[in-house]
Amino acid sequence: MKLIIAMIQPHKLPDVKKELFAADVHKMTVTNVLGCGQQKGYNETYRGVMHEVNLLKKVRLEIAVNEDFVKRTVDAIVRGAKTGKIGDGKIFILDLPECIRVRTGERGSEAIG
């Protein structure tokens, strides 16, 4: 089992969801987050005062999958999120030692579904 964490541009979320659904991946957690990376932010003026904005809006996807779904999940995220520009995002793949479905008590790969 793996936990896939992806940071993507907010406007690319509909495209990523479409690609994930086409790859038969329907279970995910989506969170609005702030972060910075290679983009480093930008400066803007508000009421005559210069402000440095270095935490940019991103969307964090968390998807727990069984081993046979890892490649198709990652490929779907890349297809949906890629623009070819700085800030497209990152994908992290972590080992997931245990998963428990609260409703039934199922454990492991059966709990992920």
Protein backbone atom coordinates (compact mmCIF):
# COMPACT_ATOMS: atom_id res chain seq x y z
CA MET A 1 0.00 0.00 0.00
CA LYS A 2 1.17 3.52 -0.81
CA LEU A 3 0.10 7.02 0.11
CA ILE A 4 0.38 9.40 -2.84
CA ILE A 5 0.56 13.08 -1.93
CA ALA A 6 0.38 15.59 -4.78
CA MET A 7 0.69 19.38 -4.66
CA ILE A 8 -0.89 20.97 -7.74
CA GLN A 9 -2.14 24.31 -9.03
CA PRO A 10 -5.73 25.01 -7.86
CA HIS A 11 -7.03 25.66 -11.38
CA LYS A 12 -5.79 22.21 -12.50
CA LEU A 13 -7.91 20.29 -9.94
CA PRO A 14 -10.83 19.63 -12.35
CA ASP A 15 -8.41 18.27 -14.98
CA VAL A 16 -6.65 16.05 -12.41
CA LYS A 17 -9.97 14.72 -11.08
CA LYS A 18 -11.11 13.94 -14.62
CA GLU A 19 -7.90 12.00 -15.33
CA LEU A 20 -8.11 10.15 -11.99
CA PHE A 21 -11.72 9.14 -12.60
CA ALA A 22 -10.76 7.91 -16.10
CA ALA A 23 -8.00 5.81 -14.45
CA ASP A 24 -10.62 4.30 -12.08
CA VAL A 25 -9.29 6.20 -9.04
CA HIS A 26 -12.25 7.71 -7.18
CA LYS A 27 -11.15 8.00 -3.53
CA MET A 28 -9.10 11.03 -2.50
CA THR A 29 -8.76 13.78 0.05
CA VAL A 30 -8.40 17.34 -1.25
CA THR A 31 -7.10 20.23 0.85
CA ASN A 32 -6.41 23.88 0.05
CA VAL A 33 -2.89 24.74 1.25
CA LEU A 34 -0.29 27.51 1.02
CA GLY A 35 3.30 26.88 0.03
CA CYS A 36 6.28 28.03 -1.93
CA GLY A 37 8.91 26.36 -4.00
CA GLN A 38 10.89 27.36 -7.04
CA GLN A 39 8.31 30.05 -7.90
CA LYS A 40 9.38 32.04 -4.81
CA GLY A 41 6.24 34.20 -4.88
CA TYR A 42 5.70 37.70 -6.22
CA ASN A 43 5.25 41.34 -5.15
CA GLU A 44 2.01 43.27 -5.34
CA THR A 45 0.87 46.73 -4.35
CA TYR A 46 -2.21 47.19 -2.20
CA ARG A 47 -3.32 50.74 -1.35
CA GLY A 48 0.10 52.06 -2.22
CA VAL A 49 1.99 49.61 0.00
CA MET A 50 4.23 46.94 -1.50
CA HIS A 51 3.53 43.42 -0.19
CA GLU A 52 5.66 40.34 -0.78
CA VAL A 53 3.51 37.27 -1.40
CA ASN A 54 5.72 34.22 -1.01
CA LEU A 55 3.14 31.65 0.04
CA LEU A 56 1.10 30.68 -3.00
CA LYS A 57 -2.24 28.85 -3.13
CA LYS A 58 -1.92 25.14 -3.92
CA VAL A 59 -4.14 22.08 -3.69
CA ARG A 60 -2.95 18.98 -1.83
CA LEU A 61 -4.29 15.60 -2.91
CA GLU A 62 -3.87 12.55 -0.69
CA ILE A 63 -4.69 9.19 -2.24
CA ALA A 64 -4.15 5.81 -0.58
CA VAL A 65 -3.79 3.04 -3.17
CA ASN A 66 -2.77 -0.58 -3.43
CA GLU A 67 0.50 -1.38 -5.23
CA ASP A 68 -1.18 -2.12 -8.57
CA PHE A 69 -2.75 1.37 -8.69
CA VAL A 70 0.39 3.44 -8.00
CA LYS A 71 1.56 3.91 -11.60
CA ARG A 72 -1.88 4.66 -13.04
CA THR A 73 -2.59 7.15 -10.23
CA VAL A 74 0.70 9.01 -10.68
CA ASP A 75 0.33 9.03 -14.48
CA ALA A 76 -3.20 10.45 -14.18
CA ILE A 77 -2.05 13.24 -11.85
CA VAL A 78 0.79 14.17 -14.19
CA ARG A 79 -1.52 14.18 -17.25
CA GLY A 80 -4.04 16.42 -15.49
CA ALA A 81 -1.65 18.82 -13.74
CA LYS A 82 1.14 19.35 -16.27
CA THR A 83 1.39 22.72 -18.03
CA GLY A 84 5.15 22.66 -18.59
CA LYS A 85 5.70 25.75 -16.44
CA ILE A 86 7.29 26.29 -13.03
CA GLY A 87 4.75 25.61 -10.30
CA ASP A 88 3.06 22.56 -11.83
CA GLY A 89 3.60 20.75 -8.54
CA LYS A 90 5.18 17.74 -6.90
CA ILE A 91 4.16 14.15 -6.20
CA PHE A 92 5.38 12.22 -3.16
CA ILE A 93 4.92 8.46 -2.80
CA LEU A 94 5.13 7.08 0.73
CA ASP A 95 4.85 3.58 2.13
CA LEU A 96 1.57 3.06 3.97
CA PRO A 97 2.10 0.38 6.62
CA GLU A 98 -1.52 0.09 7.76
CA CYS A 99 -5.02 1.13 6.78
CA ILE A 100 -8.18 0.47 8.80
CA ARG A 101 -11.74 1.04 7.62
CA VAL A 102 -13.57 2.37 10.66
CA ARG A 103 -17.03 1.18 9.63
CA THR A 104 -16.16 -2.51 9.14
CA GLY A 105 -12.83 -2.95 10.89
CA GLU A 106 -11.22 -4.21 7.65
CA ARG A 107 -7.46 -3.83 7.54
CA GLY A 108 -4.79 -3.52 4.84
CA SER A 109 -5.52 -3.57 1.13
CA GLU A 110 -9.17 -4.58 1.68
CA ALA A 111 -9.72 -1.38 3.66
CA ILE A 112 -8.40 0.80 0.83
CA GLY A 113 -10.80 -0.76 -1.67
